[in-house]
Amino acid sequence: MDLLGGNSELPECQTRLSFTSQEVGGALETEFTLVGGVRAFMDGDLLYDSGTGDRFAITTCGSLTWSPGSVPQFSIDVLELAGRFRIGGESGVGITGVEEGELATIRIIGVENIFMQTPQTPFKIVVDGAMDVANFVKFGLVDTAFIWEGELLPRFEPGGFQADLGDQSVELVRTSFCRCM
C-alpha cells in the first residue's frame, strides 16, 4: 500500500494535513483534516493465475475531517481501478492497457455526486484500456469519458479509439471523429 501525494498519477489529489483551532463559546475546539490518496496493488493471481505478471490496483483520493467530540466526515473524490488480467482463464478475454505493458484504468471522479449530478457537480467515468480476445482481436478506448450531469443518459466525450486485428492496427484520436474541442 502506498500513500500518494500531489503526484502525476492522480493530479486531482493534492495531499494536505492540517490542524486548526478556534475558540467557540469560551472553549478551544481543534479540527484535524487529512486530504490525500492511497493506492493498493494486488497480484493478478487473486483473479486468475496466468503466470504473466498480472496486476490489479485500487487507488483513491479523498479527505477525512474530525473534531474531537464529533463524528468524522469522510469523502472520496476520485476512485481508480487499474489492472492487467484475463477473465475466463488463460484463453479468456484480456483486460490490458492500450499500449503494451500498461494497465487498463477506470477512473471514477465526483463519487460524492453520484446521486445528485449537475453540470457544476458531475459524476464522471473515464476509461483508458483495451480488451484483448484470443491475443488476436484487441479493442481499446483512450481517455474516453462518460459524464452524468443530471440527465438520464451520460454525455460521451471520446478521447481515442484503437482496434487491432492480428498485425493490423487502426488508431483514431478525438480530433479525427469528433468536434468536441
C-alpha atoms as a PDB file:
ATOM      1  CA  MET A   1       0.000   0.000   0.000  1.00  0.00           C
ATOM      2  CA  ASP A   2       1.298   3.458  -0.959  1.00  0.00           C
ATOM      3  CA  LEU A   3       0.326   6.878   0.341  1.00  0.00           C
ATOM      4  CA  LEU A   4       0.070   9.298  -2.568  1.00  0.00           C
ATOM      5  CA  GLY A   5       0.600  12.999  -2.592  1.00  0.00           C
ATOM      6  CA  GLY A   6       0.494  15.533  -5.391  1.00  0.00           C
ATOM      7  CA  ASN A   7       1.751  13.075  -7.989  1.00  0.00           C
ATOM      8  CA  SER A   8       1.081  12.728 -11.693  1.00  0.00           C
ATOM      9  CA  GLU A   9      -0.923   9.523 -11.211  1.00  0.00           C
ATOM     10  CA  LEU A  10      -3.769  11.381  -9.504  1.00  0.00           C
ATOM     11  CA  PRO A  11      -3.319  15.070 -10.306  1.00  0.00           C
ATOM     12  CA  GLU A  12      -6.696  15.819  -8.649  1.00  0.00           C
ATOM     13  CA  CYS A  13      -5.269  14.580  -5.363  1.00  0.00           C
ATOM     14  CA  GLN A  14      -3.236  17.193  -3.512  1.00  0.00           C
ATOM     15  CA  THR A  15      -2.022  15.953  -0.129  1.00  0.00           C
ATOM     16  CA  ARG A  16      -2.647  18.202   2.831  1.00  0.00           C
ATOM     17  CA  LEU A  17      -2.650  17.760   6.614  1.00  0.00           C
ATOM     18  CA  SER A  18      -3.975  20.495   8.849  1.00  0.00           C
ATOM     19  CA  PHE A  19      -4.874  21.186  12.457  1.00  0.00           C
ATOM     20  CA  THR A  20      -6.969  24.255  13.134  1.00  0.00           C
ATOM     21  CA  SER A  21      -8.081  25.575  16.497  1.00  0.00           C
ATOM     22  CA  GLN A  22     -10.617  28.245  17.303  1.00  0.00           C
ATOM     23  CA  GLU A  23     -12.420  29.443  20.378  1.00  0.00           C
ATOM     24  CA  VAL A  24     -16.105  28.567  20.436  1.00  0.00           C
ATOM     25  CA  GLY A  25     -18.207  29.530  23.468  1.00  0.00           C
ATOM     26  CA  GLY A  26     -15.126  30.026  25.620  1.00  0.00           C
ATOM     27  CA  ALA A  27     -13.688  26.583  24.760  1.00  0.00           C
ATOM     28  CA  LEU A  28     -10.884  25.802  22.340  1.00  0.00           C
ATOM     29  CA  GLU A  29     -12.001  23.451  19.534  1.00  0.00           C
ATOM     30  CA  THR A  30      -9.476  21.694  17.312  1.00  0.00           C
ATOM     31  CA  GLU A  31     -10.205  20.222  13.900  1.00  0.00           C
ATOM     32  CA  PHE A  32      -7.971  17.704  12.128  1.00  0.00           C
ATOM     33  CA  THR A  33      -8.132  17.405   8.302  1.00  0.00           C
ATOM     34  CA  LEU A  34      -6.257  14.913   6.123  1.00  0.00           C
ATOM     35  CA  VAL A  35      -6.553  15.098   2.344  1.00  0.00           C
ATOM     36  CA  GLY A  36      -4.660  12.668   0.139  1.00  0.00           C
ATOM     37  CA  GLY A  37      -4.610   9.371  -1.642  1.00  0.00           C
ATOM     38  CA  VAL A  38      -3.944   5.697  -1.066  1.00  0.00           C
ATOM     39  CA  ARG A  39      -3.076   3.004  -3.611  1.00  0.00           C
ATOM     40  CA  ALA A  40      -3.101  -0.760  -3.034  1.00  0.00           C
ATOM     41  CA  PHE A  41      -1.752  -3.334  -5.522  1.00  0.00           C
ATOM     42  CA  MET A  42      -2.762  -6.988  -5.648  1.00  0.00           C
ATOM     43  CA  ASP A  43      -1.303  -9.826  -7.654  1.00  0.00           C
ATOM     44  CA  GLY A  44      -3.405 -10.837 -10.628  1.00  0.00           C
ATOM     45  CA  ASP A  45      -3.397 -14.439  -9.429  1.00  0.00           C
ATOM     46  CA  LEU A  46      -6.031 -13.377  -6.917  1.00  0.00           C
ATOM     47  CA  LEU A  47      -8.239 -13.172 -10.016  1.00  0.00           C
ATOM     48  CA  TYR A  48      -6.532 -15.793 -12.184  1.00  0.00           C
ATOM     49  CA  ASP A  49      -3.017 -17.255 -12.112  1.00  0.00           C
ATOM     50  CA  SER A  50      -1.793 -16.756 -15.664  1.00  0.00           C
ATOM     51  CA  GLY A  51       1.895 -16.571 -14.805  1.00  0.00           C
ATOM     52  CA  THR A  52       2.215 -13.345 -16.818  1.00  0.00           C
ATOM     53  CA  GLY A  53       2.709 -10.782 -14.070  1.00  0.00           C
ATOM     54  CA  ASP A  54      -0.928  -9.720 -13.994  1.00  0.00           C
ATOM     55  CA  ARG A  55      -1.733  -6.896 -11.575  1.00  0.00           C
ATOM     56  CA  PHE A  56      -4.723  -5.124 -10.120  1.00  0.00           C
ATOM     57  CA  ALA A  57      -4.697  -1.828  -8.222  1.00  0.00           C
ATOM     58  CA  ILE A  58      -7.205   0.340  -6.412  1.00  0.00           C
ATOM     59  CA  THR A  59      -6.351   3.997  -5.900  1.00  0.00           C
ATOM     60  CA  THR A  60      -8.473   6.529  -4.087  1.00  0.00           C
ATOM     61  CA  CYS A  61      -8.262  10.177  -3.176  1.00  0.00           C
ATOM     62  CA  GLY A  62     -10.397  11.834  -0.558  1.00  0.00           C
ATOM     63  CA  SER A  63     -10.458  13.525   2.783  1.00  0.00           C
ATOM     64  CA  LEU A  64     -11.090  12.887   6.448  1.00  0.00           C
ATOM     65  CA  THR A  65     -12.098  15.708   8.795  1.00  0.00           C
ATOM     66  CA  TRP A  66     -12.521  15.159  12.527  1.00  0.00           C
ATOM     67  CA  SER A  67     -13.136  17.323  15.537  1.00  0.00           C
ATOM     68  CA  PRO A  68     -12.893  15.590  18.936  1.00  0.00           C
ATOM     69  CA  GLY A  69     -16.396  15.003  20.249  1.00  0.00           C
ATOM     70  CA  SER A  70     -17.993  14.786  16.791  1.00  0.00           C
ATOM     71  CA  VAL A  71     -18.457  12.189  14.075  1.00  0.00           C
ATOM     72  CA  PRO A  72     -15.635  12.165  11.470  1.00  0.00           C
ATOM     73  CA  GLN A  73     -16.569  13.365   7.992  1.00  0.00           C
ATOM     74  CA  PHE A  74     -15.198  11.237   5.164  1.00  0.00           C
ATOM     75  CA  SER A  75     -15.330  11.834   1.398  1.00  0.00           C
ATOM     76  CA  ILE A  76     -13.982  10.071  -1.680  1.00  0.00           C
ATOM     77  CA  ASP A  77     -13.330  12.382  -4.619  1.00  0.00           C
ATOM     78  CA  VAL A  78     -11.605  10.007  -7.066  1.00  0.00           C
ATOM     79  CA  LEU A  79     -11.612   6.211  -7.250  1.00  0.00           C
ATOM     80  CA  GLU A  80      -9.427   4.448  -9.806  1.00  0.00           C
ATOM     81  CA  LEU A  81      -9.342   0.762 -10.699  1.00  0.00           C
ATOM     82  CA  ALA A  82      -6.369  -0.386 -12.752  1.00  0.00           C
ATOM     83  CA  GLY A  83      -5.311  -3.785 -13.952  1.00  0.00           C
ATOM     84  CA  ARG A  84      -3.915  -6.230 -16.427  1.00  0.00           C
ATOM     85  CA  PHE A  85      -5.518  -9.667 -16.217  1.00  0.00           C
ATOM     86  CA  ARG A  86      -7.647 -12.264 -18.035  1.00  0.00           C
ATOM     87  CA  ILE A  87     -11.285 -13.031 -17.355  1.00  0.00           C
ATOM     88  CA  GLY A  88     -12.227 -16.639 -18.055  1.00  0.00           C
ATOM     89  CA  GLY A  89      -8.856 -18.358 -17.750  1.00  0.00           C
ATOM     90  CA  GLU A  90      -5.795 -18.487 -19.961  1.00  0.00           C
ATOM     91  CA  SER A  91      -7.760 -18.206 -23.225  1.00  0.00           C
ATOM     92  CA  GLY A  92     -10.271 -15.691 -21.818  1.00  0.00           C
ATOM     93  CA  VAL A  93     -10.676 -12.011 -22.537  1.00  0.00           C
ATOM     94  CA  GLY A  94      -7.647  -9.958 -21.553  1.00  0.00           C
ATOM     95  CA  ILE A  95      -8.042  -6.572 -19.904  1.00  0.00           C
ATOM     96  CA  THR A  96      -4.898  -4.516 -20.587  1.00  0.00           C
ATOM     97  CA  GLY A  97      -3.643  -1.041 -21.237  1.00  0.00           C
ATOM     98  CA  VAL A  98      -3.840   0.209 -24.819  1.00  0.00           C
ATOM     99  CA  GLU A  99      -0.049   0.162 -25.103  1.00  0.00           C
ATOM    100  CA  GLU A 100       1.996  -2.961 -24.378  1.00  0.00           C
ATOM    101  CA  GLY A 101       2.781  -3.338 -20.670  1.00  0.00           C
ATOM    102  CA  GLU A 102       0.323  -0.672 -19.480  1.00  0.00           C
ATOM    103  CA  LEU A 103      -2.559  -1.226 -17.071  1.00  0.00           C
ATOM    104  CA  ALA A 104      -6.152  -0.560 -18.101  1.00  0.00           C
ATOM    105  CA  THR A 105      -7.770   2.112 -15.913  1.00  0.00           C
ATOM    106  CA  ILE A 106     -11.276   3.129 -14.959  1.00  0.00           C
ATOM    107  CA  ARG A 107     -11.231   6.435 -13.094  1.00  0.00           C
ATOM    108  CA  ILE A 108     -14.389   7.471 -11.251  1.00  0.00           C
ATOM    109  CA  ILE A 109     -14.446  11.194 -10.496  1.00  0.00           C
ATOM    110  CA  GLY A 110     -17.056  13.025  -8.439  1.00  0.00           C
ATOM    111  CA  VAL A 111     -18.091   9.976  -6.412  1.00  0.00           C
ATOM    112  CA  GLU A 112     -19.856  12.307  -3.970  1.00  0.00           C
ATOM    113  CA  ASN A 113     -22.085  13.492  -6.865  1.00  0.00           C
ATOM    114  CA  ILE A 114     -23.338  10.047  -7.908  1.00  0.00           C
ATOM    115  CA  PHE A 115     -26.905  10.711  -6.696  1.00  0.00           C
ATOM    116  CA  MET A 116     -27.031  14.471  -7.334  1.00  0.00           C
ATOM    117  CA  GLN A 117     -25.324  15.349 -10.610  1.00  0.00           C
ATOM    118  CA  THR A 118     -25.494  18.788 -12.202  1.00  0.00           C
ATOM    119  CA  PRO A 119     -23.340  20.470 -14.861  1.00  0.00           C
ATOM    120  CA  GLN A 120     -21.417  22.093 -11.977  1.00  0.00           C
ATOM    121  CA  THR A 121     -21.126  18.833  -9.960  1.00  0.00           C
ATOM    122  CA  PRO A 122     -20.883  15.983 -12.499  1.00  0.00           C
ATOM    123  CA  PHE A 123     -20.271  12.284 -11.949  1.00  0.00           C
ATOM    124  CA  LYS A 124     -17.635  11.102 -14.428  1.00  0.00           C
ATOM    125  CA  ILE A 125     -16.168   7.747 -15.500  1.00  0.00           C
ATOM    126  CA  VAL A 126     -13.001   7.844 -17.629  1.00  0.00           C
ATOM    127  CA  VAL A 127     -11.891   4.654 -19.421  1.00  0.00           C
ATOM    128  CA  ASP A 128      -8.386   4.043 -20.715  1.00  0.00           C
ATOM    129  CA  GLY A 129      -7.700   0.444 -21.698  1.00  0.00           C
ATOM    130  CA  ALA A 130      -8.324  -2.431 -24.042  1.00  0.00           C
ATOM    131  CA  MET A 131      -9.991  -5.819 -24.320  1.00  0.00           C
ATOM    132  CA  ASP A 132      -7.851  -8.470 -25.981  1.00  0.00           C
ATOM    133  CA  VAL A 133      -9.671 -11.541 -27.318  1.00  0.00           C
ATOM    134  CA  ALA A 134      -7.573 -14.640 -28.021  1.00  0.00           C
ATOM    135  CA  ASN A 135      -4.453 -12.474 -28.482  1.00  0.00           C
ATOM    136  CA  PHE A 136      -5.789 -11.665 -31.947  1.00  0.00           C
ATOM    137  CA  VAL A 137      -8.545  -9.011 -31.741  1.00  0.00           C
ATOM    138  CA  LYS A 138      -7.952  -6.012 -29.489  1.00  0.00           C
ATOM    139  CA  PHE A 139     -10.314  -3.064 -28.974  1.00  0.00           C
ATOM    140  CA  GLY A 140      -9.322  -0.071 -26.853  1.00  0.00           C
ATOM    141  CA  LEU A 141     -10.529   3.299 -25.636  1.00  0.00           C
ATOM    142  CA  VAL A 142      -8.067   6.057 -24.776  1.00  0.00           C
ATOM    143  CA  ASP A 143      -9.048   8.689 -22.192  1.00  0.00           C
ATOM    144  CA  THR A 144     -12.748   8.350 -23.050  1.00  0.00           C
ATOM    145  CA  ALA A 145     -15.276   9.808 -20.618  1.00  0.00           C
ATOM    146  CA  PHE A 146     -18.907   9.204 -19.730  1.00  0.00           C
ATOM    147  CA  ILE A 147     -20.212  12.258 -17.842  1.00  0.00           C
ATOM    148  CA  TRP A 148     -23.512  12.417 -15.951  1.00  0.00           C
ATOM    149  CA  GLU A 149     -24.737  15.972 -15.371  1.00  0.00           C
ATOM    150  CA  GLY A 150     -28.286  15.319 -14.131  1.00  0.00           C
ATOM    151  CA  GLU A 151     -29.666  13.741 -17.311  1.00  0.00           C
ATOM    152  CA  LEU A 152     -30.702  10.088 -17.587  1.00  0.00           C
ATOM    153  CA  LEU A 153     -28.015   9.294 -20.166  1.00  0.00           C
ATOM    154  CA  PRO A 154     -24.405  10.421 -19.833  1.00  0.00           C
ATOM    155  CA  ARG A 155     -22.616  12.780 -22.166  1.00  0.00           C
ATOM    156  CA  PHE A 156     -19.999  10.852 -24.162  1.00  0.00           C
ATOM    157  CA  GLU A 157     -16.619  12.545 -24.515  1.00  0.00           C
ATOM    158  CA  PRO A 158     -14.399  10.483 -26.818  1.00  0.00           C
ATOM    159  CA  GLY A 159     -10.669  10.564 -26.373  1.00  0.00           C
ATOM    160  CA  GLY A 160      -9.293   7.972 -28.744  1.00  0.00           C
ATOM    161  CA  PHE A 161     -10.011   4.537 -30.155  1.00  0.00           C
ATOM    162  CA  GLN A 162      -7.747   1.654 -31.108  1.00  0.00           C
ATOM    163  CA  ALA A 163      -8.548  -1.612 -32.839  1.00  0.00           C
ATOM    164  CA  ASP A 164      -6.049  -4.358 -33.680  1.00  0.00           C
ATOM    165  CA  LEU A 165      -6.732  -7.394 -35.837  1.00  0.00           C
ATOM    166  CA  GLY A 166      -3.666  -9.572 -35.844  1.00  0.00           C
ATOM    167  CA  ASP A 167      -0.832  -7.348 -37.126  1.00  0.00           C
ATOM    168  CA  GLN A 168      -3.149  -4.603 -38.433  1.00  0.00           C
ATOM    169  CA  SER A 169      -3.904  -1.593 -36.238  1.00  0.00           C
ATOM    170  CA  VAL A 170      -6.315   1.335 -36.510  1.00  0.00           C
ATOM    171  CA  GLU A 171      -5.930   4.306 -34.172  1.00  0.00           C
ATOM    172  CA  LEU A 172      -8.210   7.318 -34.064  1.00  0.00           C
ATOM    173  CA  VAL A 173      -7.902  10.267 -31.753  1.00  0.00           C
ATOM    174  CA  ARG A 174     -10.507  12.765 -30.629  1.00  0.00           C
ATOM    175  CA  THR A 175      -9.894  15.234 -33.466  1.00  0.00           C
ATOM    176  CA  SER A 176     -10.349  12.509 -36.100  1.00  0.00           C
ATOM    177  CA  PHE A 177     -14.007  11.775 -35.410  1.00  0.00           C
ATOM    178  CA  CYS A 178     -15.401  14.380 -33.050  1.00  0.00           C
ATOM    179  CA  ARG A 179     -15.881  18.130 -32.928  1.00  0.00           C
ATOM    180  CA  CYS A 180     -15.550  18.074 -29.117  1.00  0.00           C
ATOM    181  CA  MET A 181     -12.682  20.501 -28.717  1.00  0.00           C
END
